[in-house]
N, C-alpha and C. Protein backbone atom coordinates (compact mmCIF):
# COMPACT_ATOMS: atom_id res chain seq x y z
N MET A 1 217.92 -39.77 -6.96
CA MET A 1 217.79 -40.69 -6.30
C MET A 1 217.02 -39.94 -4.96
N THR A 2 216.05 -41.27 -4.84
CA THR A 2 215.32 -40.77 -3.60
C THR A 2 215.68 -41.10 -2.29
N GLN A 3 215.82 -40.13 -1.74
CA GLN A 3 216.19 -40.36 0.00
C GLN A 3 214.85 -41.42 0.66
N GLN A 4 215.48 -42.61 1.13
CA GLN A 4 214.83 -43.44 1.39
C GLN A 4 215.10 -43.66 3.49
N ARG A 5 213.97 -43.38 4.46
CA ARG A 5 214.46 -43.38 5.68
C ARG A 5 214.23 -45.18 6.10
N THR A 6 215.55 -45.20 6.88
CA THR A 6 215.93 -47.27 6.95
C THR A 6 215.59 -47.51 8.44
N ASP A 7 214.89 -46.52 9.45
CA ASP A 7 214.60 -46.40 10.58
C ASP A 7 213.00 -46.68 10.71
N GLY A 8 212.66 -47.32 9.41
CA GLY A 8 210.58 -47.52 9.56
C GLY A 8 210.20 -46.73 9.66
N ALA A 9 210.37 -45.69 10.24
CA ALA A 9 209.63 -44.21 10.19
C ALA A 9 209.14 -43.61 8.94
N LEU A 10 207.69 -43.19 9.15
CA LEU A 10 206.91 -42.68 7.82
C LEU A 10 207.36 -41.33 7.79
N PRO A 11 207.61 -41.25 6.49
CA PRO A 11 208.07 -39.98 6.08
C PRO A 11 207.46 -38.62 6.46
N ALA A 12 207.49 -37.37 6.99
CA ALA A 12 206.55 -36.42 7.53
C ALA A 12 206.01 -35.73 6.62
N ASP A 13 204.71 -35.78 6.81
CA ASP A 13 203.72 -35.07 5.91
C ASP A 13 202.75 -34.17 6.51
N ALA A 14 201.68 -33.42 5.64
CA ALA A 14 201.36 -32.64 6.40
C ALA A 14 200.39 -32.95 7.29
N ALA A 15 199.74 -34.21 7.09
CA ALA A 15 198.68 -34.45 7.96
C ALA A 15 199.43 -35.12 9.43
N ASN A 16 200.25 -36.15 9.19
CA ASN A 16 201.42 -36.48 10.84
C ASN A 16 201.90 -35.51 11.39
N SER A 17 202.10 -34.13 10.57
CA SER A 17 202.88 -32.98 11.07
C SER A 17 201.73 -32.52 12.07
N TYR A 18 200.30 -32.29 11.43
CA TYR A 18 199.20 -31.62 12.28
C TYR A 18 199.01 -32.28 13.67
N VAL A 19 199.01 -34.02 13.50
CA VAL A 19 198.55 -34.42 14.52
C VAL A 19 199.64 -34.20 16.08
N GLU A 20 201.06 -34.38 15.45
CA GLU A 20 202.18 -33.80 16.60
C GLU A 20 201.94 -32.81 16.94
N ALA A 21 202.08 -31.48 16.33
CA ALA A 21 201.39 -30.94 16.59
C ALA A 21 200.28 -30.26 17.52
N LEU A 22 198.94 -30.97 17.28
CA LEU A 22 197.99 -30.97 18.16
C LEU A 22 198.80 -31.94 19.82
N ARG A 23 199.13 -32.72 19.47
CA ARG A 23 200.02 -32.95 20.77
C ARG A 23 200.22 -32.45 21.56
N GLU A 24 201.39 -31.47 20.95
CA GLU A 24 202.02 -30.54 21.65
C GLU A 24 201.24 -29.11 22.44
N ARG A 25 199.72 -28.94 21.78
CA ARG A 25 198.95 -27.81 22.00
C ARG A 25 198.23 -28.82 23.59
N LEU A 26 197.81 -30.24 23.15
CA LEU A 26 196.80 -30.65 24.22
C LEU A 26 198.02 -30.74 25.52
N ALA A 27 199.16 -31.05 25.46
CA ALA A 27 200.24 -31.12 27.17
C ALA A 27 200.35 -29.68 27.23
N ALA A 28 200.14 -28.48 25.63
CA ALA A 28 200.32 -27.40 26.85
C ALA A 28 199.36 -27.15 27.73
N ASP A 29 198.06 -27.65 27.01
CA ASP A 29 196.99 -26.94 28.08
C ASP A 29 196.55 -28.33 29.30
N GLY A 30 197.65 -28.85 29.09
CA GLY A 30 197.31 -29.41 30.53
C GLY A 30 197.08 -31.04 30.77
N CYS A 31 196.54 -31.18 29.48
CA CYS A 31 196.01 -32.82 29.13
C CYS A 31 197.30 -33.67 29.50
N GLY A 32 196.52 -35.02 29.71
CA GLY A 32 196.97 -36.12 30.00
C GLY A 32 197.11 -36.71 28.10
N VAL A 33 198.56 -37.04 27.15
CA VAL A 33 198.77 -37.01 26.38
C VAL A 33 199.19 -38.64 26.00
N THR A 34 198.30 -39.41 25.68
CA THR A 34 198.62 -40.77 25.25
C THR A 34 198.61 -41.43 23.93
N ALA A 35 198.65 -42.30 23.50
CA ALA A 35 198.17 -43.24 22.17
C ALA A 35 197.70 -44.52 22.20
N ALA A 36 196.92 -44.66 21.26
CA ALA A 36 196.26 -45.79 21.31
C ALA A 36 196.35 -46.30 19.44
N ASN A 37 195.92 -47.29 19.05
CA ASN A 37 195.55 -47.68 17.77
C ASN A 37 194.40 -48.27 17.16
N TRP A 38 194.02 -47.55 15.92
CA TRP A 38 192.77 -47.32 15.56
C TRP A 38 192.68 -48.24 14.13
N GLY A 39 193.03 -49.55 14.46
CA GLY A 39 193.27 -50.21 13.07
C GLY A 39 194.77 -49.87 12.99
N GLU A 40 195.42 -49.90 11.49
CA GLU A 40 196.57 -49.58 11.71
C GLU A 40 197.00 -48.25 11.50
N HIS A 41 195.93 -47.69 12.22
CA HIS A 41 196.48 -45.68 12.44
C HIS A 41 196.61 -45.77 13.64
N ARG A 42 198.14 -44.94 13.85
CA ARG A 42 197.95 -44.27 15.30
C ARG A 42 197.34 -43.44 15.88
N VAL A 43 196.75 -43.33 16.75
CA VAL A 43 195.84 -42.23 16.85
C VAL A 43 196.44 -41.19 18.75
N ALA A 44 196.70 -40.11 18.35
CA ALA A 44 196.88 -39.44 19.74
C ALA A 44 195.34 -39.10 20.34
N ILE A 45 195.89 -39.00 21.85
CA ILE A 45 194.55 -39.05 22.61
C ILE A 45 194.56 -38.22 23.69
N GLY A 46 194.12 -36.95 23.75
CA GLY A 46 194.31 -36.16 24.95
C GLY A 46 193.30 -36.37 25.75
N SER A 47 193.21 -35.89 27.21
CA SER A 47 191.85 -35.71 27.93
C SER A 47 192.80 -34.79 29.05
N ARG A 48 191.22 -34.57 29.92
CA ARG A 48 191.06 -33.38 30.80
C ARG A 48 190.07 -33.55 31.55
N ALA A 49 190.32 -33.05 32.65
CA ALA A 49 188.51 -33.08 33.51
C ALA A 49 188.68 -31.99 33.81
N ASP A 50 187.31 -31.20 33.83
CA ASP A 50 187.19 -29.77 34.64
C ASP A 50 185.47 -29.78 35.37
N ARG A 51 186.01 -29.09 36.56
CA ARG A 51 184.62 -28.75 37.28
C ARG A 51 184.56 -26.67 37.25
N LYS A 52 183.45 -26.58 36.82
CA LYS A 52 183.24 -25.25 37.23
C LYS A 52 181.56 -24.98 38.09
N ALA A 53 182.03 -24.12 38.38
CA ALA A 53 180.77 -23.52 39.26
C ALA A 53 179.37 -23.66 38.91
N ARG A 54 179.58 -22.65 37.67
CA ARG A 54 178.28 -22.71 36.69
C ARG A 54 177.53 -24.25 36.14
N TRP A 55 178.77 -25.25 36.20
CA TRP A 55 177.62 -26.29 35.96
C TRP A 55 177.47 -26.79 36.68
N PHE A 56 177.44 -26.51 38.23
CA PHE A 56 176.49 -26.88 39.43
C PHE A 56 177.05 -28.22 39.88
N GLY A 57 178.47 -27.84 40.09
CA GLY A 57 179.36 -29.00 40.38
C GLY A 57 179.80 -30.14 39.69
N THR A 58 179.41 -30.06 38.55
CA THR A 58 179.12 -31.60 37.45
C THR A 58 180.45 -31.57 37.03
N ARG A 59 180.94 -32.51 36.50
CA ARG A 59 182.58 -32.36 36.01
C ARG A 59 182.79 -32.86 35.08
N THR A 60 183.07 -32.33 33.60
CA THR A 60 183.17 -33.14 32.73
C THR A 60 184.41 -33.34 32.05
N GLU A 61 184.75 -34.72 32.03
CA GLU A 61 186.05 -34.84 31.06
C GLU A 61 186.04 -35.00 29.23
N LEU A 62 186.90 -34.34 28.78
CA LEU A 62 187.04 -33.85 27.86
C LEU A 62 187.98 -34.91 27.00
N PHE A 63 188.00 -35.90 26.02
CA PHE A 63 188.93 -36.69 25.46
C PHE A 63 189.09 -35.61 24.08
N VAL A 64 190.47 -36.28 23.37
CA VAL A 64 190.37 -35.43 22.16
C VAL A 64 190.72 -36.61 21.62
N PHE A 65 190.55 -37.30 19.98
CA PHE A 65 191.09 -38.17 19.82
C PHE A 65 191.76 -37.60 17.99
N ALA A 66 192.71 -38.10 17.67
CA ALA A 66 193.38 -37.54 16.56
C ALA A 66 194.02 -38.53 15.32
N ALA A 67 193.88 -38.77 14.67
CA ALA A 67 194.88 -39.68 13.49
C ALA A 67 194.87 -39.17 11.72
N ALA A 68 195.92 -39.17 11.82
CA ALA A 68 196.06 -38.96 10.90
C ALA A 68 196.32 -40.14 9.49
N VAL A 69 194.75 -40.08 8.51
CA VAL A 69 195.17 -40.88 7.27
C VAL A 69 194.56 -40.53 5.95
N PRO A 70 195.12 -41.53 5.38
CA PRO A 70 195.62 -41.12 3.55
C PRO A 70 193.84 -40.70 3.28
N ARG A 71 193.01 -41.03 3.46
CA ARG A 71 191.52 -39.97 2.88
C ARG A 71 190.91 -40.28 3.88
N VAL A 72 189.89 -39.22 4.18
CA VAL A 72 188.42 -39.04 4.67
C VAL A 72 187.22 -39.04 4.45
N ASP A 73 186.23 -40.22 4.08
CA ASP A 73 184.92 -40.05 3.80
C ASP A 73 184.13 -40.11 4.82
N ASP A 74 182.73 -40.38 4.55
CA ASP A 74 181.71 -40.33 5.87
C ASP A 74 182.00 -41.80 6.47
N ALA A 75 181.72 -42.55 5.29
CA ALA A 75 181.96 -44.51 6.46
C ALA A 75 183.23 -44.25 7.27
N SER A 76 184.55 -43.63 6.84
CA SER A 76 186.00 -43.87 8.00
C SER A 76 185.41 -42.89 9.34
N LEU A 77 184.69 -41.72 8.75
CA LEU A 77 184.52 -41.01 10.33
C LEU A 77 183.78 -41.43 10.63
N ALA A 78 182.06 -42.02 10.10
CA ALA A 78 181.77 -42.61 11.67
C ALA A 78 182.32 -43.67 12.06
N GLU A 79 182.85 -44.39 11.56
CA GLU A 79 184.23 -45.42 12.52
C GLU A 79 184.12 -45.11 13.43
N PHE A 80 185.39 -43.92 13.00
CA PHE A 80 186.25 -43.11 13.81
C PHE A 80 185.65 -42.55 14.98
N THR A 81 184.53 -42.17 14.40
CA THR A 81 183.82 -41.56 15.70
C THR A 81 182.86 -42.33 16.75
N GLY A 82 182.37 -43.19 15.86
CA GLY A 82 182.33 -45.08 17.09
C GLY A 82 182.99 -45.50 18.05
N TRP A 83 184.23 -45.50 17.28
CA TRP A 83 185.69 -46.18 18.14
C TRP A 83 185.99 -45.06 19.01
N SER A 84 186.11 -44.07 19.02
CA SER A 84 186.42 -42.86 20.09
C SER A 84 185.56 -43.18 20.98
N LEU A 85 184.29 -42.62 21.01
CA LEU A 85 183.55 -42.93 21.80
C LEU A 85 183.00 -44.02 22.70
N THR A 86 183.23 -44.86 22.00
CA THR A 86 183.71 -46.75 22.59
C THR A 86 184.87 -46.35 23.76
N TYR A 87 185.78 -45.88 22.80
CA TYR A 87 187.35 -45.82 23.72
C TYR A 87 186.63 -44.86 25.00
N ALA A 88 186.71 -43.99 24.53
CA ALA A 88 186.06 -42.81 25.93
C ALA A 88 185.40 -43.44 27.01
N LYS A 89 184.63 -44.09 26.85
CA LYS A 89 183.74 -44.66 27.77
C LYS A 89 184.09 -45.50 28.56
N SER A 90 184.87 -45.92 28.01
CA SER A 90 185.91 -47.36 28.39
C SER A 90 186.85 -46.72 29.45
N ILE A 91 187.55 -45.48 29.22
CA ILE A 91 188.88 -45.66 29.90
C ILE A 91 187.98 -43.50 31.12
N ARG A 92 186.99 -44.00 31.08
CA ARG A 92 186.77 -42.47 31.48
C ARG A 92 186.92 -42.77 33.01
N SER A 93 187.17 -41.86 33.78
CA SER A 93 187.79 -42.11 35.36
C SER A 93 186.29 -41.74 36.26
N GLY A 94 185.40 -41.16 35.97
CA GLY A 94 184.51 -40.70 36.92
C GLY A 94 183.07 -42.14 36.87
N LEU A 95 182.25 -42.24 37.84
CA LEU A 95 180.96 -42.53 37.46
C LEU A 95 180.07 -42.29 36.29
N PRO A 96 179.54 -43.20 35.79
CA PRO A 96 178.37 -42.70 34.85
C PRO A 96 177.31 -41.53 35.71
N GLY A 97 175.96 -41.03 35.30
CA GLY A 97 175.30 -40.83 35.89
C GLY A 97 175.50 -38.76 35.82
N ALA A 98 174.08 -38.24 36.17
CA ALA A 98 174.27 -36.77 36.08
C ALA A 98 175.18 -35.84 36.20
N ARG A 99 176.20 -36.35 37.34
CA ARG A 99 177.10 -35.43 37.71
C ARG A 99 178.56 -35.29 37.01
N ASN A 100 178.51 -36.37 36.21
CA ASN A 100 179.94 -36.69 35.50
C ASN A 100 179.44 -36.78 33.90
N ALA A 101 179.90 -35.86 32.86
CA ALA A 101 179.69 -35.78 31.54
C ALA A 101 180.92 -35.91 30.93
N VAL A 102 181.10 -36.73 29.46
CA VAL A 102 181.86 -37.08 28.81
C VAL A 102 181.99 -36.56 27.26
N MET A 103 182.76 -35.74 27.40
CA MET A 103 182.56 -35.10 25.92
C MET A 103 183.87 -35.42 24.97
N VAL A 104 183.47 -35.68 23.84
CA VAL A 104 184.65 -36.24 22.92
C VAL A 104 184.80 -35.44 21.46
N LEU A 105 186.19 -35.23 21.36
CA LEU A 105 186.72 -34.78 19.91
C LEU A 105 187.23 -35.62 19.15
N SER A 106 186.42 -36.00 18.14
CA SER A 106 187.35 -37.30 17.77
C SER A 106 187.61 -36.53 16.18
N ALA A 107 189.01 -36.47 15.62
CA ALA A 107 189.39 -36.26 14.24
C ALA A 107 190.25 -36.97 13.43
N LEU A 108 189.56 -37.07 11.87
CA LEU A 108 190.63 -37.28 11.32
C LEU A 108 191.24 -36.22 10.48
N VAL A 109 192.47 -36.66 10.39
CA VAL A 109 193.27 -35.41 9.41
C VAL A 109 193.83 -36.14 7.99
N SER A 110 193.66 -35.26 7.38
CA SER A 110 193.85 -35.71 6.17
C SER A 110 194.63 -34.48 5.17
N ASP A 111 195.03 -35.21 3.79
CA ASP A 111 195.05 -34.13 2.57
C ASP A 111 193.89 -34.03 1.84
N ASP A 112 193.48 -35.62 1.71
CA ASP A 112 191.97 -35.68 0.91
C ASP A 112 190.45 -36.15 2.20
N VAL A 113 190.25 -34.77 2.04
CA VAL A 113 188.46 -34.81 3.00
C VAL A 113 187.45 -35.20 2.03
N GLN A 114 186.67 -35.54 1.53
CA GLN A 114 185.41 -35.77 0.89
C GLN A 114 184.77 -34.82 1.48
N PRO A 115 183.47 -34.18 0.96
CA PRO A 115 182.63 -33.32 0.86
C PRO A 115 181.94 -34.15 1.33
N SER A 116 181.46 -35.30 1.66
CA SER A 116 180.74 -36.14 2.37
C SER A 116 181.07 -36.20 3.77
N ALA A 117 181.80 -36.27 4.11
CA ALA A 117 182.69 -36.17 5.73
C ALA A 117 182.45 -35.04 6.17
N ARG A 118 183.22 -34.03 5.25
CA ARG A 118 182.44 -32.51 6.05
C ARG A 118 181.30 -32.07 6.69
N GLU A 119 180.22 -32.59 5.46
CA GLU A 119 178.92 -32.32 5.62
C GLU A 119 178.65 -33.09 6.90
N TRP A 120 178.95 -34.64 7.18
CA TRP A 120 178.61 -35.65 7.95
C TRP A 120 179.24 -34.99 9.27
N ALA A 121 180.30 -34.32 9.21
CA ALA A 121 180.80 -33.83 10.67
C ALA A 121 179.67 -32.52 11.21
N ALA A 122 179.87 -31.86 10.06
CA ALA A 122 178.73 -30.69 10.56
C ALA A 122 177.48 -30.49 11.35
N ALA A 123 177.03 -31.73 10.62
CA ALA A 123 175.46 -32.04 10.63
C ALA A 123 174.96 -32.28 11.97
N ASP A 124 175.74 -32.47 13.23
CA ASP A 124 175.27 -33.11 14.25
C ASP A 124 176.43 -33.48 15.33
N ALA A 125 175.75 -33.43 16.55
CA ALA A 125 176.79 -34.03 17.69
C ALA A 125 176.51 -35.48 17.48
N ARG A 126 177.30 -36.35 17.83
CA ARG A 126 176.74 -37.85 18.17
C ARG A 126 176.60 -38.27 19.15
N MET A 127 176.15 -39.17 19.90
CA MET A 127 175.59 -40.04 21.39
C MET A 127 175.86 -41.11 21.53
N LEU A 128 176.54 -41.51 22.53
CA LEU A 128 176.89 -42.66 22.77
C LEU A 128 176.01 -43.15 23.99
N GLY A 129 174.81 -43.64 24.23
CA GLY A 129 174.10 -43.91 25.82
C GLY A 129 173.57 -42.31 25.98
N THR A 130 173.59 -42.27 27.07
CA THR A 130 172.92 -41.09 27.39
C THR A 130 174.11 -40.35 28.23
N SER A 131 175.48 -40.62 28.25
CA SER A 131 176.79 -40.23 29.13
C SER A 131 177.79 -39.72 28.32
N VAL A 132 177.52 -39.77 26.96
CA VAL A 132 178.60 -39.20 25.96
C VAL A 132 178.49 -39.04 24.84
N VAL A 133 179.22 -37.51 24.70
CA VAL A 133 178.86 -36.83 23.46
C VAL A 133 180.08 -36.52 23.12
N GLY A 134 179.49 -36.82 21.38
CA GLY A 134 181.09 -36.90 20.54
C GLY A 134 180.58 -36.10 19.61
N ARG A 135 181.80 -35.08 19.12
CA ARG A 135 181.90 -34.11 17.68
C ARG A 135 182.84 -34.33 17.19
N PRO A 136 182.37 -35.24 16.28
CA PRO A 136 183.64 -35.51 14.97
C PRO A 136 183.92 -34.56 14.10
N LEU A 137 185.40 -34.06 13.55
CA LEU A 137 185.51 -33.41 13.32
C LEU A 137 186.62 -33.81 12.31
N THR A 138 186.68 -33.07 11.06
CA THR A 138 187.67 -33.39 9.66
C THR A 138 188.59 -31.84 9.75
N ILE A 139 189.91 -32.53 9.17
CA ILE A 139 190.80 -31.71 9.36
C ILE A 139 191.78 -31.84 7.89
N GLU A 140 191.58 -30.76 7.31
CA GLU A 140 192.15 -30.94 5.51
C GLU A 140 193.30 -30.26 5.68
N THR A 141 194.42 -30.80 5.22
CA THR A 141 195.79 -30.29 5.37
C THR A 141 196.18 -29.78 4.06
N ALA A 142 195.67 -30.18 3.07
CA ALA A 142 195.74 -30.02 1.81
C ALA A 142 196.80 -28.93 1.50
N PRO A 143 197.85 -28.33 0.78
CA PRO A 143 198.18 -27.17 0.69
C PRO A 143 196.61 -26.06 0.35
N GLY A 144 196.49 -24.79 1.17
CA GLY A 144 196.07 -24.26 0.55
C GLY A 144 194.31 -24.55 0.77
N ALA A 145 193.98 -25.27 1.75
CA ALA A 145 192.54 -25.82 1.89
C ALA A 145 192.67 -25.67 3.51
N GLY A 146 193.50 -25.75 4.39
CA GLY A 146 193.77 -25.76 5.89
C GLY A 146 192.46 -25.92 6.23
N ARG A 147 191.03 -26.69 6.49
CA ARG A 147 189.76 -26.34 6.63
C ARG A 147 189.63 -27.18 7.99
N VAL A 148 189.08 -26.91 8.88
CA VAL A 148 188.27 -27.55 10.18
C VAL A 148 186.98 -27.38 9.80
N THR A 149 186.19 -28.91 10.35
CA THR A 149 184.26 -28.85 10.00
C THR A 149 183.99 -29.65 10.83
N MET A 150 183.39 -29.16 11.50
CA MET A 150 182.70 -29.55 12.89
C MET A 150 181.44 -29.08 13.24
N TYR A 151 180.73 -29.80 14.13
CA TYR A 151 179.40 -29.35 14.37
C TYR A 151 179.95 -28.25 15.61
N ARG A 152 179.06 -26.97 15.48
CA ARG A 152 179.37 -26.20 16.50
C ARG A 152 177.92 -25.80 17.49
N GLY A 153 176.81 -26.32 17.03
CA GLY A 153 175.70 -25.78 17.73
C GLY A 153 175.50 -26.84 18.91
N GLY A 154 174.61 -26.51 19.43
CA GLY A 154 174.18 -27.09 20.83
C GLY A 154 173.51 -28.61 21.06
N VAL A 155 173.63 -29.15 21.81
CA VAL A 155 172.87 -30.46 21.96
C VAL A 155 172.35 -30.16 23.25
N ALA A 156 170.76 -31.34 23.11
CA ALA A 156 170.07 -31.47 24.10
C ALA A 156 170.64 -31.93 25.69
N TRP A 157 171.22 -32.90 25.41
CA TRP A 157 172.08 -33.56 26.61
C TRP A 157 173.54 -32.55 26.44
N GLY A 158 174.42 -32.52 27.59
CA GLY A 158 175.40 -31.62 27.85
C GLY A 158 175.16 -30.54 27.46
N GLY A 159 174.32 -29.65 26.63
CA GLY A 159 174.25 -28.68 26.43
C GLY A 159 174.89 -27.37 27.00
N MET A 160 175.24 -27.79 28.38
CA MET A 160 175.66 -26.67 29.45
C MET A 160 177.40 -26.56 29.33
N PHE A 161 177.95 -27.65 28.23
CA PHE A 161 179.22 -27.84 28.25
C PHE A 161 179.59 -27.59 26.99
N THR A 162 178.29 -26.92 26.35
CA THR A 162 178.31 -26.48 24.47
C THR A 162 180.22 -25.51 24.41
N ARG A 163 179.93 -24.47 25.29
CA ARG A 163 181.09 -23.50 24.96
C ARG A 163 182.17 -23.72 25.42
N HIS A 164 182.51 -24.44 27.00
CA HIS A 164 183.28 -24.48 26.90
C HIS A 164 184.22 -26.12 25.97
N VAL A 165 183.41 -26.64 25.53
CA VAL A 165 184.11 -27.63 24.06
C VAL A 165 184.42 -27.20 23.07
N LEU A 166 183.83 -26.13 22.44
CA LEU A 166 184.17 -24.95 21.54
C LEU A 166 185.27 -24.35 21.41
N GLU A 167 185.63 -23.68 22.94
CA GLU A 167 186.55 -23.24 23.26
C GLU A 167 187.85 -23.84 23.15
N LYS A 168 187.56 -25.11 23.74
CA LYS A 168 189.05 -25.85 23.72
C LYS A 168 189.18 -27.00 22.04
N ALA A 169 188.01 -26.84 21.38
CA ALA A 169 188.17 -27.11 19.97
C ALA A 169 188.83 -25.84 19.33
N ALA A 170 188.71 -24.85 19.48
CA ALA A 170 188.84 -24.01 19.07
C ALA A 170 190.89 -24.03 19.09
N LEU A 171 191.01 -24.47 20.43
CA LEU A 171 192.08 -23.97 20.84
C LEU A 171 193.43 -24.98 20.38
N TYR A 172 192.62 -26.57 20.41
CA TYR A 172 193.57 -27.95 19.71
C TYR A 172 193.63 -27.42 18.06
N PHE A 173 192.36 -27.20 17.49
CA PHE A 173 192.16 -27.33 16.26
C PHE A 173 191.79 -25.91 15.19
N PRO A 174 193.08 -25.20 15.30
CA PRO A 174 193.15 -23.77 14.83
C PRO A 174 192.84 -24.17 13.14
């Protein structure tokens, strides 16, 4: 006989467990952690703002969005990335402009990540206007896979934040 939960909660799986562990890593690093819905999927959201002297006083806000989904393909990753960039732009706290930057890590987590989605994530960073830079990620949680794919190169706009964003991505998405 199969055990069924009666409280409406979804059974634990690798992708949902990964997102829960991510929420803990975000909180441990001092991020504010909230949640939202993207369609029928619950999205974990982490955010933090940093200012460093080497950035010439510029403040960067980093937003992390992650959702566990049954399957990741390039179309769903593109849709989620666009949603994440728009959402981050709508909740940013600083004024847009040269002294404030928004960096977004948008991750879809699944046991089933299509190769086209990994290629799309690794190809380049994505921009929304001139003030929001996104780096989509795929996280494959299938047994034996454990693969994180994202663009790790520089960008023309916001390039001085690349090292910071990649360090945070390595911390949040081991």
